[in-house]
Amino acid sequence: MADPGKVDFKKTIAAYRARRAFEIVDVPELQYLMVDGHGDPNTSVFTDAVEALYPIAYKLKFASKKSLGRDYVVMPLEGLWWADDMATFTAARDKSRWDWTLMIMVPEWISAEMFAEVAPPESPVRLESLAEGKCVQTLHVGSFDDEAGVLDEMHNSFIPSYGMKVTGKHHEIYLSDRRKTEPAKLRTILRQPVLE
């Protein structure tokens, strides 16, 4: 049985719930652990970035519970993705040209001082807020390599049909652990900030 005192932000923040349909959502300003990288996500650079985030995320969770009496579920891995030519995501799928920021959301009560206490000085991880505002998102079930068609429809059909324009960086929220889930069953929220 779940601990009633432990907050699960996937349940309390509406933007972490998505259906298999395009939806327009308002995403509040949120605080994240972030680490930047470039290139194919199937490389050690990407793996190293993931491995830099999680120890800090868990140390902050335990520090919050111990010193503040506030417990929460560590959030899933997320990623911001962009490139000089966004067609590398929908057509060519040239992963070597991708830039990314991997993230794990942390509660607003996690302070810069708490972060500094648990993050090694040499860590590439930083604590930063992100305000995305109005976004279009959908739940994608399947392989990451099958996202191209969904993104093409989102960017070139759904968003323009509502008189909106793409802005900011493509955002993915990984609800499944890709190390333990077969590709056809991966659940990923695909999100794109927009301007009206």
C-alpha atoms as a PDB file:
ATOM      1  CA  MET A   1       0.000   0.000   0.000  1.00  0.00           C
ATOM      2  CA  ALA A   2       1.271   3.475  -0.916  1.00  0.00           C
ATOM      3  CA  ASP A   3       2.489   5.725   1.870  1.00  0.00           C
ATOM      4  CA  PRO A   4      -0.206   8.442   2.252  1.00  0.00           C
ATOM      5  CA  GLY A   5       2.494  10.922   3.298  1.00  0.00           C
ATOM      6  CA  LYS A   6       4.544  10.407   0.131  1.00  0.00           C
ATOM      7  CA  VAL A   7       3.712  12.752  -2.754  1.00  0.00           C
ATOM      8  CA  ASP A   8       3.608  11.307  -6.279  1.00  0.00           C
ATOM      9  CA  PHE A   9       3.723  14.285  -8.631  1.00  0.00           C
ATOM     10  CA  LYS A  10       2.781  12.079 -11.600  1.00  0.00           C
ATOM     11  CA  LYS A  11      -0.663  11.981  -9.959  1.00  0.00           C
ATOM     12  CA  THR A  12      -0.880  15.552  -8.661  1.00  0.00           C
ATOM     13  CA  ILE A  13       0.425  17.485 -11.714  1.00  0.00           C
ATOM     14  CA  ALA A  14      -2.020  17.149 -14.599  1.00  0.00           C
ATOM     15  CA  ALA A  15       0.686  17.591 -17.258  1.00  0.00           C
ATOM     16  CA  TYR A  16       2.152  14.204 -16.242  1.00  0.00           C
ATOM     17  CA  ARG A  17      -1.039  12.431 -17.275  1.00  0.00           C
ATOM     18  CA  ALA A  18      -1.489  11.970 -21.017  1.00  0.00           C
ATOM     19  CA  ARG A  19      -3.775  10.051 -23.361  1.00  0.00           C
ATOM     20  CA  ARG A  20      -3.054   8.535 -26.760  1.00  0.00           C
ATOM     21  CA  ALA A  21      -4.463  11.642 -28.435  1.00  0.00           C
ATOM     22  CA  PHE A  22      -3.120  15.147 -28.945  1.00  0.00           C
ATOM     23  CA  GLU A  23      -4.066  17.436 -26.069  1.00  0.00           C
ATOM     24  CA  ILE A  24      -3.395  21.092 -25.289  1.00  0.00           C
ATOM     25  CA  VAL A  25      -2.128  21.473 -21.717  1.00  0.00           C
ATOM     26  CA  ASP A  26      -0.774  24.247 -19.526  1.00  0.00           C
ATOM     27  CA  VAL A  27       2.457  23.165 -17.852  1.00  0.00           C
ATOM     28  CA  PRO A  28       3.368  25.060 -14.668  1.00  0.00           C
ATOM     29  CA  GLU A  29       6.882  26.256 -13.931  1.00  0.00           C
ATOM     30  CA  LEU A  30       8.727  23.277 -12.464  1.00  0.00           C
ATOM     31  CA  GLN A  31      12.158  22.672 -10.991  1.00  0.00           C
ATOM     32  CA  TYR A  32      14.510  20.040 -12.396  1.00  0.00           C
ATOM     33  CA  LEU A  33      17.875  18.449 -12.024  1.00  0.00           C
ATOM     34  CA  MET A  34      19.441  18.922 -15.476  1.00  0.00           C
ATOM     35  CA  VAL A  35      22.477  17.710 -17.406  1.00  0.00           C
ATOM     36  CA  ASP A  36      23.327  18.624 -21.023  1.00  0.00           C
ATOM     37  CA  GLY A  37      24.687  16.505 -23.849  1.00  0.00           C
ATOM     38  CA  HIS A  38      24.972  16.064 -27.594  1.00  0.00           C
ATOM     39  CA  GLY A  39      24.671  13.179 -30.016  1.00  0.00           C
ATOM     40  CA  ASP A  40      23.147   9.741 -30.312  1.00  0.00           C
ATOM     41  CA  PRO A  41      21.283   8.653 -27.142  1.00  0.00           C
ATOM     42  CA  ASN A  42      22.558   5.098 -27.715  1.00  0.00           C
ATOM     43  CA  THR A  43      26.056   6.096 -26.560  1.00  0.00           C
ATOM     44  CA  SER A  44      27.968   6.104 -23.291  1.00  0.00           C
ATOM     45  CA  VAL A  45      27.731   9.916 -23.105  1.00  0.00           C
ATOM     46  CA  PHE A  46      23.963   9.596 -22.724  1.00  0.00           C
ATOM     47  CA  THR A  47      24.300   6.742 -20.221  1.00  0.00           C
ATOM     48  CA  ASP A  48      26.804   8.772 -18.179  1.00  0.00           C
ATOM     49  CA  ALA A  49      24.345  11.680 -18.058  1.00  0.00           C
ATOM     50  CA  VAL A  50      21.567   9.429 -16.758  1.00  0.00           C
ATOM     51  CA  GLU A  51      23.932   7.965 -14.168  1.00  0.00           C
ATOM     52  CA  ALA A  52      24.881  11.474 -12.996  1.00  0.00           C
ATOM     53  CA  LEU A  53      21.242  12.434 -12.366  1.00  0.00           C
ATOM     54  CA  TYR A  54      19.815   9.544 -10.378  1.00  0.00           C
ATOM     55  CA  PRO A  55      22.170   9.491  -7.350  1.00  0.00           C
ATOM     56  CA  ILE A  56      21.528  13.193  -6.777  1.00  0.00           C
ATOM     57  CA  ALA A  57      17.774  12.728  -7.234  1.00  0.00           C
ATOM     58  CA  TYR A  58      17.686  10.012  -4.567  1.00  0.00           C
ATOM     59  CA  LYS A  59      19.961  11.912  -2.169  1.00  0.00           C
ATOM     60  CA  LEU A  60      17.606  14.904  -2.394  1.00  0.00           C
ATOM     61  CA  LYS A  61      14.579  12.691  -1.765  1.00  0.00           C
ATOM     62  CA  PHE A  62      16.178  11.234   1.372  1.00  0.00           C
ATOM     63  CA  ALA A  63      17.412  14.659   2.549  1.00  0.00           C
ATOM     64  CA  SER A  64      13.904  16.072   2.089  1.00  0.00           C
ATOM     65  CA  LYS A  65      12.364  13.246   4.112  1.00  0.00           C
ATOM     66  CA  LYS A  66      14.986  13.461   6.867  1.00  0.00           C
ATOM     67  CA  SER A  67      15.400  17.212   7.293  1.00  0.00           C
ATOM     68  CA  LEU A  68      11.987  18.505   6.164  1.00  0.00           C
ATOM     69  CA  GLY A  69       9.725  15.532   6.888  1.00  0.00           C
ATOM     70  CA  ARG A  70       8.514  15.703   3.270  1.00  0.00           C
ATOM     71  CA  ASP A  71       8.706  12.518   1.223  1.00  0.00           C
ATOM     72  CA  TYR A  72       8.018  12.106  -2.481  1.00  0.00           C
ATOM     73  CA  VAL A  73       8.366   9.616  -5.316  1.00  0.00           C
ATOM     74  CA  VAL A  74      11.428  10.238  -7.501  1.00  0.00           C
ATOM     75  CA  MET A  75      10.091  11.364 -10.850  1.00  0.00           C
ATOM     76  CA  PRO A  76      10.790   9.682 -14.207  1.00  0.00           C
ATOM     77  CA  LEU A  77      13.612  10.671 -16.513  1.00  0.00           C
ATOM     78  CA  GLU A  78      12.756  13.427 -18.990  1.00  0.00           C
ATOM     79  CA  GLY A  79      14.565  14.923 -21.954  1.00  0.00           C
ATOM     80  CA  LEU A  80      14.565  18.145 -23.940  1.00  0.00           C
ATOM     81  CA  TRP A  81      15.666  17.568 -27.537  1.00  0.00           C
ATOM     82  CA  TRP A  82      16.632  19.975 -30.313  1.00  0.00           C
ATOM     83  CA  ALA A  83      18.852  20.394 -33.371  1.00  0.00           C
ATOM     84  CA  ASP A  84      19.765  23.128 -35.835  1.00  0.00           C
ATOM     85  CA  ASP A  85      17.501  21.317 -38.305  1.00  0.00           C
ATOM     86  CA  MET A  86      14.466  19.812 -36.556  1.00  0.00           C
ATOM     87  CA  ALA A  87      13.885  17.540 -39.568  1.00  0.00           C
ATOM     88  CA  THR A  88      16.589  15.318 -38.064  1.00  0.00           C
ATOM     89  CA  PHE A  89      13.853  14.187 -35.635  1.00  0.00           C
ATOM     90  CA  THR A  90      11.059  13.500 -38.102  1.00  0.00           C
ATOM     91  CA  ALA A  91      12.649  12.613 -41.429  1.00  0.00           C
ATOM     92  CA  ALA A  92      16.349  11.778 -41.452  1.00  0.00           C
ATOM     93  CA  ARG A  93      16.492  10.668 -37.772  1.00  0.00           C
ATOM     94  CA  ASP A  94      20.184  11.653 -37.734  1.00  0.00           C
ATOM     95  CA  LYS A  95      20.787  11.120 -34.018  1.00  0.00           C
ATOM     96  CA  SER A  96      24.395  12.295 -34.206  1.00  0.00           C
ATOM     97  CA  ARG A  97      23.096  15.856 -34.734  1.00  0.00           C
ATOM     98  CA  TRP A  98      20.796  15.931 -31.711  1.00  0.00           C
ATOM     99  CA  ASP A  99      21.327  18.108 -28.637  1.00  0.00           C
ATOM    100  CA  TRP A 100      19.644  17.194 -25.386  1.00  0.00           C
ATOM    101  CA  THR A 101      19.134  18.042 -21.749  1.00  0.00           C
ATOM    102  CA  LEU A 102      18.198  15.149 -19.475  1.00  0.00           C
ATOM    103  CA  MET A 103      16.098  16.070 -16.437  1.00  0.00           C
ATOM    104  CA  ILE A 104      14.392  14.778 -13.311  1.00  0.00           C
ATOM    105  CA  MET A 105      11.716  16.990 -11.766  1.00  0.00           C
ATOM    106  CA  VAL A 106      12.168  17.814  -8.064  1.00  0.00           C
ATOM    107  CA  PRO A 107       9.725  19.620  -5.738  1.00  0.00           C
ATOM    108  CA  GLU A 108       9.830  23.389  -5.383  1.00  0.00           C
ATOM    109  CA  TRP A 109      10.837  22.994  -1.733  1.00  0.00           C
ATOM    110  CA  ILE A 110      14.213  21.555  -2.756  1.00  0.00           C
ATOM    111  CA  SER A 111      16.520  24.532  -2.291  1.00  0.00           C
ATOM    112  CA  ALA A 112      19.804  25.459  -3.931  1.00  0.00           C
ATOM    113  CA  GLU A 113      21.440  24.859  -0.547  1.00  0.00           C
ATOM    114  CA  MET A 114      20.059  21.310  -0.344  1.00  0.00           C
ATOM    115  CA  PHE A 115      21.258  20.645  -3.888  1.00  0.00           C
ATOM    116  CA  ALA A 116      24.752  21.973  -3.089  1.00  0.00           C
ATOM    117  CA  GLU A 117      24.971  19.662  -0.067  1.00  0.00           C
ATOM    118  CA  VAL A 118      24.349  16.484  -2.077  1.00  0.00           C
ATOM    119  CA  ALA A 119      25.832  17.253  -5.520  1.00  0.00           C
ATOM    120  CA  PRO A 120      29.568  16.545  -5.931  1.00  0.00           C
ATOM    121  CA  PRO A 121      31.478  19.720  -6.930  1.00  0.00           C
ATOM    122  CA  GLU A 122      32.597  18.102 -10.199  1.00  0.00           C
ATOM    123  CA  SER A 123      29.054  17.006 -11.136  1.00  0.00           C
ATOM    124  CA  PRO A 124      27.692  18.217 -14.503  1.00  0.00           C
ATOM    125  CA  VAL A 125      24.199  18.305 -12.955  1.00  0.00           C
ATOM    126  CA  ARG A 126      22.538  21.636 -12.175  1.00  0.00           C
ATOM    127  CA  LEU A 127      19.272  22.698 -10.486  1.00  0.00           C
ATOM    128  CA  GLU A 128      17.124  24.903 -12.705  1.00  0.00           C
ATOM    129  CA  SER A 129      13.494  25.891 -13.296  1.00  0.00           C
ATOM    130  CA  LEU A 130      11.660  25.519 -16.593  1.00  0.00           C
ATOM    131  CA  ALA A 131       8.446  27.316 -17.543  1.00  0.00           C
ATOM    132  CA  GLU A 132       6.894  25.748 -20.661  1.00  0.00           C
ATOM    133  CA  GLY A 133       3.354  27.140 -20.450  1.00  0.00           C
ATOM    134  CA  LYS A 134       0.993  26.074 -23.222  1.00  0.00           C
ATOM    135  CA  CYS A 135       2.002  22.770 -24.838  1.00  0.00           C
ATOM    136  CA  VAL A 136       0.635  20.036 -27.056  1.00  0.00           C
ATOM    137  CA  GLN A 137       1.299  16.517 -25.822  1.00  0.00           C
ATOM    138  CA  THR A 138       0.329  12.913 -26.379  1.00  0.00           C
ATOM    139  CA  LEU A 139       1.148   9.493 -24.953  1.00  0.00           C
ATOM    140  CA  HIS A 140       3.229   7.424 -27.377  1.00  0.00           C
ATOM    141  CA  VAL A 141       3.340   3.667 -26.822  1.00  0.00           C
ATOM    142  CA  GLY A 142       6.120   1.952 -28.732  1.00  0.00           C
ATOM    143  CA  SER A 143       9.722   2.257 -29.764  1.00  0.00           C
ATOM    144  CA  PHE A 144      11.515   5.602 -29.655  1.00  0.00           C
ATOM    145  CA  ASP A 145      12.298   5.101 -33.345  1.00  0.00           C
ATOM    146  CA  ASP A 146       8.556   5.003 -34.075  1.00  0.00           C
ATOM    147  CA  GLU A 147       8.033   8.543 -32.738  1.00  0.00           C
ATOM    148  CA  ALA A 148       8.869  10.284 -36.038  1.00  0.00           C
ATOM    149  CA  GLY A 149       5.384   9.907 -37.551  1.00  0.00           C
ATOM    150  CA  VAL A 150       3.681  11.095 -34.369  1.00  0.00           C
ATOM    151  CA  LEU A 151       5.962  14.133 -34.143  1.00  0.00           C
ATOM    152  CA  ASP A 152       5.424  14.939 -37.806  1.00  0.00           C
ATOM    153  CA  GLU A 153       1.649  14.881 -37.295  1.00  0.00           C
ATOM    154  CA  MET A 154       1.930  16.936 -34.094  1.00  0.00           C
ATOM    155  CA  HIS A 155       4.227  19.616 -35.576  1.00  0.00           C
ATOM    156  CA  ASN A 156       2.882  19.831 -39.125  1.00  0.00           C
ATOM    157  CA  SER A 157      -0.819  19.024 -38.771  1.00  0.00           C
ATOM    158  CA  PHE A 158      -2.316  19.309 -35.277  1.00  0.00           C
ATOM    159  CA  ILE A 159      -0.432  22.409 -34.064  1.00  0.00           C
ATOM    160  CA  PRO A 160      -0.993  24.493 -37.249  1.00  0.00           C
ATOM    161  CA  SER A 161      -4.655  23.408 -37.414  1.00  0.00           C
ATOM    162  CA  TYR A 162      -5.231  25.204 -34.098  1.00  0.00           C
ATOM    163  CA  GLY A 163      -3.438  28.342 -35.294  1.00  0.00           C
ATOM    164  CA  MET A 164      -0.441  27.667 -33.064  1.00  0.00           C
ATOM    165  CA  LYS A 165       3.292  27.638 -33.763  1.00  0.00           C
ATOM    166  CA  VAL A 166       6.033  25.394 -32.414  1.00  0.00           C
ATOM    167  CA  THR A 167       8.346  27.091 -29.922  1.00  0.00           C
ATOM    168  CA  GLY A 168      10.934  25.942 -27.424  1.00  0.00           C
ATOM    169  CA  LYS A 169      12.350  22.426 -27.279  1.00  0.00           C
ATOM    170  CA  HIS A 170      10.732  19.053 -27.903  1.00  0.00           C
ATOM    171  CA  HIS A 171      10.148  17.387 -24.515  1.00  0.00           C
ATOM    172  CA  GLU A 172       9.874  13.684 -23.726  1.00  0.00           C
ATOM    173  CA  ILE A 173       8.881  12.071 -20.421  1.00  0.00           C
ATOM    174  CA  TYR A 174       9.914   8.432 -20.083  1.00  0.00           C
ATOM    175  CA  LEU A 175       7.231   6.642 -18.072  1.00  0.00           C
ATOM    176  CA  SER A 176       8.881   3.255 -18.741  1.00  0.00           C
ATOM    177  CA  ASP A 177      12.360   2.055 -17.852  1.00  0.00           C
ATOM    178  CA  ARG A 178      13.920   1.372 -21.255  1.00  0.00           C
ATOM    179  CA  ARG A 179      16.355  -1.100 -19.671  1.00  0.00           C
ATOM    180  CA  LYS A 180      13.488  -3.324 -18.487  1.00  0.00           C
ATOM    181  CA  THR A 181      10.714  -2.726 -21.039  1.00  0.00           C
ATOM    182  CA  GLU A 182      10.505  -4.176 -24.538  1.00  0.00           C
ATOM    183  CA  PRO A 183      10.471  -1.392 -27.171  1.00  0.00           C
ATOM    184  CA  ALA A 184       6.884  -2.045 -28.322  1.00  0.00           C
ATOM    185  CA  LYS A 185       5.606  -1.371 -24.777  1.00  0.00           C
ATOM    186  CA  LEU A 186       7.572   1.788 -23.949  1.00  0.00           C
ATOM    187  CA  ARG A 187       5.311   4.606 -22.698  1.00  0.00           C
ATOM    188  CA  THR A 188       6.562   8.117 -23.458  1.00  0.00           C
ATOM    189  CA  ILE A 189       4.828  11.478 -23.193  1.00  0.00           C
ATOM    190  CA  LEU A 190       5.742  13.585 -26.240  1.00  0.00           C
ATOM    191  CA  ARG A 191       5.357  17.302 -25.507  1.00  0.00           C
ATOM    192  CA  GLN A 192       5.882  20.436 -27.596  1.00  0.00           C
ATOM    193  CA  PRO A 193       5.585  24.013 -26.298  1.00  0.00           C
ATOM    194  CA  VAL A 194       3.509  26.235 -28.580  1.00  0.00           C
ATOM    195  CA  LEU A 195       2.612  29.882 -29.203  1.00  0.00           C
ATOM    196  CA  GLU A 196      -0.864  31.033 -30.190  1.00  0.00           C
END
